[in-house]
PDB file of all heavy atoms in Angstrom:
ATOM      1  N   VAL A   1     -20.781  25.170  11.252  1.00  0.00           N
ATOM      2  CA  VAL A   1     -19.800  24.850  12.279  1.00  0.00           C
ATOM      3  C   VAL A   1     -18.668  24.016  11.694  1.00  0.00           C
ATOM      4  O   VAL A   1     -17.493  24.357  11.833  1.00  0.00           O
ATOM      5  CB  VAL A   1     -20.444  24.113  13.464  1.00  0.00           C
ATOM      6  CG1 VAL A   1     -19.383  23.708  14.495  1.00  0.00           C
ATOM      7  CG2 VAL A   1     -21.521  24.976  14.110  1.00  0.00           C
ATOM      8  N   ALA A   2     -19.017  22.923  11.042  1.00  0.00           N
ATOM      9  CA  ALA A   2     -18.018  22.031  10.467  1.00  0.00           C
ATOM     10  C   ALA A   2     -18.663  21.143   9.426  1.00  0.00           C
ATOM     11  O   ALA A   2     -19.850  20.823   9.519  1.00  0.00           O
ATOM     12  CB  ALA A   2     -17.358  21.174  11.557  1.00  0.00           C
ATOM     13  N   THR A   3     -17.887  20.743   8.429  1.00  0.00           N
ATOM     14  CA  THR A   3     -18.350  19.815   7.410  1.00  0.00           C
ATOM     15  C   THR A   3     -17.301  18.745   7.181  1.00  0.00           C
ATOM     16  O   THR A   3     -16.114  18.935   7.477  1.00  0.00           O
ATOM     17  CB  THR A   3     -18.647  20.514   6.072  1.00  0.00           C
ATOM     18  OG1 THR A   3     -17.457  21.129   5.575  1.00  0.00           O
ATOM     19  CG2 THR A   3     -19.739  21.562   6.237  1.00  0.00           C
ATOM     20  N   ILE A   4     -17.752  17.627   6.629  1.00  0.00           N
ATOM     21  CA  ILE A   4     -16.847  16.537   6.294  1.00  0.00           C
ATOM     22  C   ILE A   4     -17.373  15.832   5.057  1.00  0.00           C
ATOM     23  O   ILE A   4     -18.562  15.550   4.940  1.00  0.00           O
ATOM     24  CB  ILE A   4     -16.683  15.560   7.486  1.00  0.00           C
ATOM     25  CG1 ILE A   4     -15.649  14.478   7.159  1.00  0.00           C
ATOM     26  CG2 ILE A   4     -18.022  14.951   7.891  1.00  0.00           C
ATOM     27  CD1 ILE A   4     -15.225  13.673   8.387  1.00  0.00           C
ATOM     28  N   THR A   5     -16.494  15.559   4.106  1.00  0.00           N
ATOM     29  CA  THR A   5     -16.870  14.872   2.880  1.00  0.00           C
ATOM     30  C   THR A   5     -16.852  13.368   3.089  1.00  0.00           C
ATOM     31  O   THR A   5     -16.398  12.864   4.114  1.00  0.00           O
ATOM     32  CB  THR A   5     -15.926  15.237   1.729  1.00  0.00           C
ATOM     33  OG1 THR A   5     -14.627  14.674   1.982  1.00  0.00           O
ATOM     34  CG2 THR A   5     -15.798  16.746   1.577  1.00  0.00           C
ATOM     35  N   SER A   6     -17.347  12.650   2.084  1.00  0.00           N
ATOM     36  CA  SER A   6     -17.335  11.198   2.162  1.00  0.00           C
ATOM     37  C   SER A   6     -15.918  10.649   2.241  1.00  0.00           C
ATOM     38  O   SER A   6     -15.707   9.560   2.779  1.00  0.00           O
ATOM     39  CB  SER A   6     -18.064  10.591   0.964  1.00  0.00           C
ATOM     40  OG  SER A   6     -17.442  10.966  -0.258  1.00  0.00           O
ATOM     41  N   GLY A   7     -14.954  11.393   1.710  1.00  0.00           N
ATOM     42  CA  GLY A   7     -13.563  10.984   1.759  1.00  0.00           C
ATOM     43  C   GLY A   7     -12.822  11.404   3.004  1.00  0.00           C
ATOM     44  O   GLY A   7     -11.651  11.049   3.169  1.00  0.00           O
ATOM     45  N   GLY A   8     -13.479  12.178   3.876  1.00  0.00           N
ATOM     46  CA  GLY A   8     -12.876  12.555   5.137  1.00  0.00           C
ATOM     47  C   GLY A   8     -12.264  13.942   5.188  1.00  0.00           C
ATOM     48  O   GLY A   8     -11.668  14.308   6.212  1.00  0.00           O
ATOM     49  N   SER A   9     -12.393  14.730   4.130  1.00  0.00           N
ATOM     50  CA  SER A   9     -11.895  16.103   4.157  1.00  0.00           C
ATOM     51  C   SER A   9     -12.790  16.958   5.038  1.00  0.00           C
ATOM     52  O   SER A   9     -14.010  16.903   4.928  1.00  0.00           O
ATOM     53  CB  SER A   9     -11.828  16.689   2.755  1.00  0.00           C
ATOM     54  OG  SER A   9     -10.914  15.969   1.949  1.00  0.00           O
ATOM     55  N   THR A  10     -12.189  17.774   5.899  1.00  0.00           N
ATOM     56  CA  THR A  10     -12.946  18.561   6.872  1.00  0.00           C
ATOM     57  C   THR A  10     -12.762  20.047   6.655  1.00  0.00           C
ATOM     58  O   THR A  10     -11.765  20.501   6.080  1.00  0.00           O
ATOM     59  CB  THR A  10     -12.537  18.204   8.306  1.00  0.00           C
ATOM     60  OG1 THR A  10     -11.131  18.458   8.475  1.00  0.00           O
ATOM     61  CG2 THR A  10     -12.818  16.740   8.596  1.00  0.00           C
ATOM     62  N   ASN A  11     -13.739  20.801   7.141  1.00  0.00           N
ATOM     63  CA  ASN A  11     -13.709  22.245   7.114  1.00  0.00           C
ATOM     64  C   ASN A  11     -14.383  22.753   8.373  1.00  0.00           C
ATOM     65  O   ASN A  11     -15.424  22.229   8.773  1.00  0.00           O
ATOM     66  CB  ASN A  11     -14.418  22.783   5.866  1.00  0.00           C
ATOM     67  CG  ASN A  11     -14.428  24.292   5.802  1.00  0.00           C
ATOM     68  OD1 ASN A  11     -15.446  24.930   6.087  1.00  0.00           O
ATOM     69  ND2 ASN A  11     -13.300  24.877   5.438  1.00  0.00           N
ATOM     70  N   TYR A  12     -13.780  23.776   9.004  1.00  0.00           N
ATOM     71  CA  TYR A  12     -14.301  24.301  10.257  1.00  0.00           C
ATOM     72  C   TYR A  12     -14.474  25.810  10.199  1.00  0.00           C
ATOM     73  O   TYR A  12     -13.703  26.514   9.535  1.00  0.00           O
ATOM     74  CB  TYR A  12     -13.353  23.990  11.417  1.00  0.00           C
ATOM     75  CG  TYR A  12     -13.165  22.524  11.705  1.00  0.00           C
ATOM     76  CD1 TYR A  12     -12.126  21.809  11.113  1.00  0.00           C
ATOM     77  CD2 TYR A  12     -14.012  21.851  12.573  1.00  0.00           C
ATOM     78  CE1 TYR A  12     -11.948  20.463  11.376  1.00  0.00           C
ATOM     79  CE2 TYR A  12     -13.835  20.509  12.848  1.00  0.00           C
ATOM     80  CZ  TYR A  12     -12.801  19.821  12.246  1.00  0.00           C
ATOM     81  OH  TYR A  12     -12.627  18.480  12.514  1.00  0.00           O
ATOM     82  N   ALA A  13     -15.468  26.299  10.916  1.00  0.00           N
ATOM     83  CA  ALA A  13     -15.565  27.723  11.144  1.00  0.00           C
ATOM     84  C   ALA A  13     -14.381  28.172  11.989  1.00  0.00           C
ATOM     85  O   ALA A  13     -13.896  27.431  12.850  1.00  0.00           O
ATOM     86  CB  ALA A  13     -16.871  28.064  11.856  1.00  0.00           C
ATOM     87  N   ASP A  14     -13.903  29.395  11.741  1.00  0.00           N
ATOM     88  CA  ASP A  14     -12.748  29.897  12.479  1.00  0.00           C
ATOM     89  C   ASP A  14     -12.981  29.882  13.990  1.00  0.00           C
ATOM     90  O   ASP A  14     -12.048  29.654  14.765  1.00  0.00           O
ATOM     91  CB  ASP A  14     -12.403  31.309  12.023  1.00  0.00           C
ATOM     92  CG  ASP A  14     -11.792  31.350  10.637  1.00  0.00           C
ATOM     93  OD1 ASP A  14     -11.293  30.313  10.170  1.00  0.00           O
ATOM     94  OD2 ASP A  14     -11.804  32.435  10.020  1.00  0.00           O
ATOM     95  N   SER A  15     -14.212  30.108  14.407  1.00  0.00           N
ATOM     96  CA  SER A  15     -14.521  30.212  15.820  1.00  0.00           C
ATOM     97  C   SER A  15     -14.380  28.894  16.575  1.00  0.00           C
ATOM     98  O   SER A  15     -14.302  28.898  17.807  1.00  0.00           O
ATOM     99  CB  SER A  15     -15.940  30.758  16.016  1.00  0.00           C
ATOM    100  OG  SER A  15     -16.894  29.915  15.402  1.00  0.00           O
ATOM    101  N   VAL A  16     -14.342  27.775  15.864  1.00  0.00           N
ATOM    102  CA  VAL A  16     -14.274  26.475  16.529  1.00  0.00           C
ATOM    103  C   VAL A  16     -13.005  25.705  16.207  1.00  0.00           C
ATOM    104  O   VAL A  16     -12.787  24.617  16.765  1.00  0.00           O
ATOM    105  CB  VAL A  16     -15.500  25.597  16.205  1.00  0.00           C
ATOM    106  CG1 VAL A  16     -16.787  26.349  16.500  1.00  0.00           C
ATOM    107  CG2 VAL A  16     -15.471  25.126  14.754  1.00  0.00           C
ATOM    108  N   LYS A  17     -12.158  26.234  15.349  1.00  0.00           N
ATOM    109  CA  LYS A  17     -10.924  25.547  14.988  1.00  0.00           C
ATOM    110  C   LYS A  17     -10.060  25.304  16.216  1.00  0.00           C
ATOM    111  O   LYS A  17      -9.862  26.183  17.041  1.00  0.00           O
ATOM    112  CB  LYS A  17     -10.139  26.355  13.954  1.00  0.00           C
ATOM    113  CG  LYS A  17     -10.726  26.326  12.555  1.00  0.00           C
ATOM    114  CD  LYS A  17      -9.878  27.126  11.576  1.00  0.00           C
ATOM    115  CE  LYS A  17     -10.466  27.085  10.176  1.00  0.00           C
ATOM    116  NZ  LYS A  17      -9.691  27.901   9.224  1.00  0.00           N
ATOM    117  N   GLY A  18      -9.555  24.093  16.327  1.00  0.00           N
ATOM    118  CA  GLY A  18      -8.734  23.724  17.459  1.00  0.00           C
ATOM    119  C   GLY A  18      -9.511  23.241  18.656  1.00  0.00           C
ATOM    120  O   GLY A  18      -8.912  22.693  19.593  1.00  0.00           O
ATOM    121  N   ARG A  19     -10.826  23.438  18.650  1.00  0.00           N
ATOM    122  CA  ARG A  19     -11.663  23.023  19.774  1.00  0.00           C
ATOM    123  C   ARG A  19     -12.634  21.913  19.393  1.00  0.00           C
ATOM    124  O   ARG A  19     -12.913  21.039  20.215  1.00  0.00           O
ATOM    125  CB  ARG A  19     -12.451  24.206  20.332  1.00  0.00           C
ATOM    126  CG  ARG A  19     -11.574  25.342  20.848  1.00  0.00           C
ATOM    127  CD  ARG A  19     -12.411  26.392  21.578  1.00  0.00           C
ATOM    128  NE  ARG A  19     -13.404  27.014  20.697  1.00  0.00           N
ATOM    129  CZ  ARG A  19     -14.717  27.000  20.927  1.00  0.00           C
ATOM    130  NH1 ARG A  19     -15.201  26.393  22.002  1.00  0.00           N
ATOM    131  NH2 ARG A  19     -15.556  27.600  20.086  1.00  0.00           N
ATOM    132  N   PHE A  20     -13.169  21.974  18.181  1.00  0.00           N
ATOM    133  CA  PHE A  20     -14.161  20.999  17.718  1.00  0.00           C
ATOM    134  C   PHE A  20     -13.528  20.069  16.698  1.00  0.00           C
ATOM    135  O   PHE A  20     -12.654  20.474  15.922  1.00  0.00           O
ATOM    136  CB  PHE A  20     -15.357  21.695  17.065  1.00  0.00           C
ATOM    137  CG  PHE A  20     -16.240  22.477  17.998  1.00  0.00           C
ATOM    138  CD1 PHE A  20     -15.875  22.726  19.308  1.00  0.00           C
ATOM    139  CD2 PHE A  20     -17.460  22.970  17.540  1.00  0.00           C
ATOM    140  CE1 PHE A  20     -16.689  23.449  20.162  1.00  0.00           C
ATOM    141  CE2 PHE A  20     -18.282  23.694  18.382  1.00  0.00           C
ATOM    142  CZ  PHE A  20     -17.904  23.937  19.691  1.00  0.00           C
ATOM    143  N   THR A  21     -13.998  18.837  16.665  1.00  0.00           N
ATOM    144  CA  THR A  21     -13.549  17.863  15.690  1.00  0.00           C
ATOM    145  C   THR A  21     -14.750  17.134  15.110  1.00  0.00           C
ATOM    146  O   THR A  21     -15.559  16.575  15.853  1.00  0.00           O
ATOM    147  CB  THR A  21     -12.586  16.835  16.304  1.00  0.00           C
ATOM    148  OG1 THR A  21     -11.452  17.499  16.868  1.00  0.00           O
ATOM    149  CG2 THR A  21     -12.101  15.860  15.232  1.00  0.00           C
ATOM    150  N   ILE A  22     -14.870  17.149  13.788  1.00  0.00           N
ATOM    151  CA  ILE A  22     -15.945  16.439  13.117  1.00  0.00           C
ATOM    152  C   ILE A  22     -15.396  15.128  12.562  1.00  0.00           C
ATOM    153  O   ILE A  22     -14.263  15.069  12.087  1.00  0.00           O
ATOM    154  CB  ILE A  22     -16.580  17.291  12.000  1.00  0.00           C
ATOM    155  CG1 ILE A  22     -17.844  16.615  11.451  1.00  0.00           C
ATOM    156  CG2 ILE A  22     -15.593  17.584  10.883  1.00  0.00           C
ATOM    157  CD1 ILE A  22     -18.654  17.505  10.507  1.00  0.00           C
ATOM    158  N   SER A  23     -16.191  14.085  12.645  1.00  0.00           N
ATOM    159  CA  SER A  23     -15.806  12.790  12.113  1.00  0.00           C
ATOM    160  C   SER A  23     -17.052  12.060  11.642  1.00  0.00           C
ATOM    161  O   SER A  23     -18.170  12.482  11.927  1.00  0.00           O
ATOM    162  CB  SER A  23     -15.055  11.962  13.162  1.00  0.00           C
ATOM    163  OG  SER A  23     -15.873  11.716  14.294  1.00  0.00           O
ATOM    164  N   ARG A  24     -16.864  10.977  10.908  1.00  0.00           N
ATOM    165  CA  ARG A  24     -18.016  10.219  10.427  1.00  0.00           C
ATOM    166  C   ARG A  24     -17.680   8.746  10.318  1.00  0.00           C
ATOM    167  O   ARG A  24     -16.520   8.360  10.148  1.00  0.00           O
ATOM    168  CB  ARG A  24     -18.509  10.753   9.074  1.00  0.00           C
ATOM    169  CG  ARG A  24     -17.521  10.619   7.928  1.00  0.00           C
ATOM    170  CD  ARG A  24     -18.001  11.349   6.675  1.00  0.00           C
ATOM    171  NE  ARG A  24     -19.096  10.655   6.004  1.00  0.00           N
ATOM    172  CZ  ARG A  24     -19.777  11.135   4.964  1.00  0.00           C
ATOM    173  NH1 ARG A  24     -19.484  12.351   4.495  1.00  0.00           N
ATOM    174  NH2 ARG A  24     -20.752  10.429   4.417  1.00  0.00           N
ATOM    175  N   ASP A  25     -18.714   7.938  10.426  1.00  0.00           N
ATOM    176  CA  ASP A  25     -18.627   6.505  10.239  1.00  0.00           C
ATOM    177  C   ASP A  25     -19.535   6.180   9.067  1.00  0.00           C
ATOM    178  O   ASP A  25     -20.758   6.137   9.214  1.00  0.00           O
ATOM    179  CB  ASP A  25     -19.063   5.769  11.503  1.00  0.00           C
ATOM    180  CG  ASP A  25     -18.870   4.270  11.408  1.00  0.00           C
ATOM    181  OD1 ASP A  25     -18.865   3.722  10.297  1.00  0.00           O
ATOM    182  OD2 ASP A  25     -18.719   3.630  12.478  1.00  0.00           O
ATOM    183  N   ASN A  26     -18.949   5.970   7.903  1.00  0.00           N
ATOM    184  CA  ASN A  26     -19.745   5.758   6.702  1.00  0.00           C
ATOM    185  C   ASN A  26     -20.565   4.473   6.765  1.00  0.00           C
ATOM    186  O   ASN A  26     -21.659   4.396   6.207  1.00  0.00           O
ATOM    187  CB  ASN A  26     -18.841   5.740   5.466  1.00  0.00           C
ATOM    188  CG  ASN A  26     -18.242   7.104   5.162  1.00  0.00           C
ATOM    189  OD1 ASN A  26     -18.823   8.135   5.495  1.00  0.00           O
ATOM    190  ND2 ASN A  26     -17.089   7.117   4.527  1.00  0.00           N
ATOM    191  N   ALA A  27     -20.044   3.456   7.430  1.00  0.00           N
ATOM    192  CA  ALA A  27     -20.768   2.201   7.549  1.00  0.00           C
ATOM    193  C   ALA A  27     -22.051   2.368   8.353  1.00  0.00           C
ATOM    194  O   ALA A  27     -23.028   1.656   8.135  1.00  0.00           O
ATOM    195  CB  ALA A  27     -19.886   1.128   8.178  1.00  0.00           C
ATOM    196  N   LYS A  28     -22.053   3.316   9.297  1.00  0.00           N
ATOM    197  CA  LYS A  28     -23.214   3.571  10.134  1.00  0.00           C
ATOM    198  C   LYS A  28     -24.002   4.798   9.697  1.00  0.00           C
ATOM    199  O   LYS A  28     -25.008   5.135  10.329  1.00  0.00           O
ATOM    200  CB  LYS A  28     -22.792   3.741  11.591  1.00  0.00           C
ATOM    201  CG  LYS A  28     -22.166   2.508  12.214  1.00  0.00           C
ATOM    202  CD  LYS A  28     -21.788   2.752  13.663  1.00  0.00           C
ATOM    203  CE  LYS A  28     -21.200   1.506  14.301  1.00  0.00           C
ATOM    204  NZ  LYS A  28     -20.820   1.742  15.713  1.00  0.00           N
ATOM    205  N   ASN A  29     -23.551   5.471   8.638  1.00  0.00           N
ATOM    206  CA  ASN A  29     -24.187   6.709   8.177  1.00  0.00           C
ATOM    207  C   ASN A  29     -24.368   7.689   9.332  1.00  0.00           C
ATOM    208  O   ASN A  29     -25.436   8.287   9.509  1.00  0.00           O
ATOM    209  CB  ASN A  29     -25.530   6.413   7.503  1.00  0.00           C
ATOM    210  CG  ASN A  29     -25.365   5.689   6.181  1.00  0.00           C
ATOM    211  OD1 ASN A  29     -24.492   6.023   5.384  1.00  0.00           O
ATOM    212  ND2 ASN A  29     -26.216   4.694   5.942  1.00  0.00           N
ATOM    213  N   THR A  30     -23.313   7.858  10.094  1.00  0.00           N
ATOM    214  CA  THR A  30     -23.355   8.681  11.289  1.00  0.00           C
ATOM    215  C   THR A  30     -22.218   9.695  11.273  1.00  0.00           C
ATOM    216  O   THR A  30     -21.092   9.366  10.877  1.00  0.00           O
ATOM    217  CB  THR A  30     -23.252   7.819  12.557  1.00  0.00           C
ATOM    218  OG1 THR A  30     -24.355   6.900  12.590  1.00  0.00           O
ATOM    219  CG2 THR A  30     -23.293   8.671  13.811  1.00  0.00           C
ATOM    220  N   VAL A  31     -22.514  10.913  11.690  1.00  0.00           N
ATOM    221  CA  VAL A  31     -21.522  11.964  11.821  1.00  0.00           C
ATOM    222  C   VAL A  31     -21.478  12.404  13.279  1.00  0.00           C
ATOM    223  O   VAL A  31     -22.505  12.417  13.961  1.00  0.00           O
ATOM    224  CB  VAL A  31     -21.821  13.156  10.882  1.00  0.00           C
ATOM    225  CG1 VAL A  31     -23.142  13.826  11.247  1.00  0.00           C
ATOM    226  CG2 VAL A  31     -20.681  14.156  10.896  1.00  0.00           C
ATOM    227  N   TYR A  32     -20.279  12.768  13.743  1.00  0.00           N
ATOM    228  CA  TYR A  32     -20.075  13.156  15.125  1.00  0.00           C
ATOM    229  C   TYR A  32     -19.451  14.542  15.196  1.00  0.00           C
ATOM    230  O   TYR A  32     -18.773  14.983  14.276  1.00  0.00           O
ATOM    231  CB  TYR A  32     -19.153  12.172  15.846  1.00  0.00           C
ATOM    232  CG  TYR A  32     -19.582  10.732  15.746  1.00  0.00           C
ATOM    233  CD1 TYR A  32     -19.092   9.912  14.733  1.00  0.00           C
ATOM    234  CD2 TYR A  32     -20.477  10.186  16.658  1.00  0.00           C
ATOM    235  CE1 TYR A  32     -19.478   8.591  14.634  1.00  0.00           C
ATOM    236  CE2 TYR A  32     -20.873   8.871  16.569  1.00  0.00           C
ATOM    237  CZ  TYR A  32     -20.374   8.073  15.560  1.00  0.00           C
ATOM    238  OH  TYR A  32     -20.758   6.759  15.466  1.00  0.00           O
ATOM    239  N   LEU A  33     -19.664  15.202  16.304  1.00  0.00           N
ATOM    240  CA  LEU A  33     -18.999  16.464  16.576  1.00  0.00           C
ATOM    241  C   LEU A  33     -18.495  16.438  18.007  1.00  0.00           C
ATOM    242  O   LEU A  33     -19.294  16.499  18.946  1.00  0.00           O
ATOM    243  CB  LEU A  33     -19.938  17.654  16.369  1.00  0.00           C
ATOM    244  CG  LEU A  33     -19.292  19.035  16.507  1.00  0.00           C
ATOM    245  CD1 LEU A  33     -18.306  19.275  15.364  1.00  0.00           C
ATOM    246  CD2 LEU A  33     -20.342  20.135  16.536  1.00  0.00           C
TER     247      LEU A  33
END
């Protein structure tokens, strides 16, 4: 669906682009969608 690197670079499947957003909080070791 989506990926995010430790530096914040993102990649999305075409089917979800513009609708989904991936993010992360490195201090909390947590990723969100």
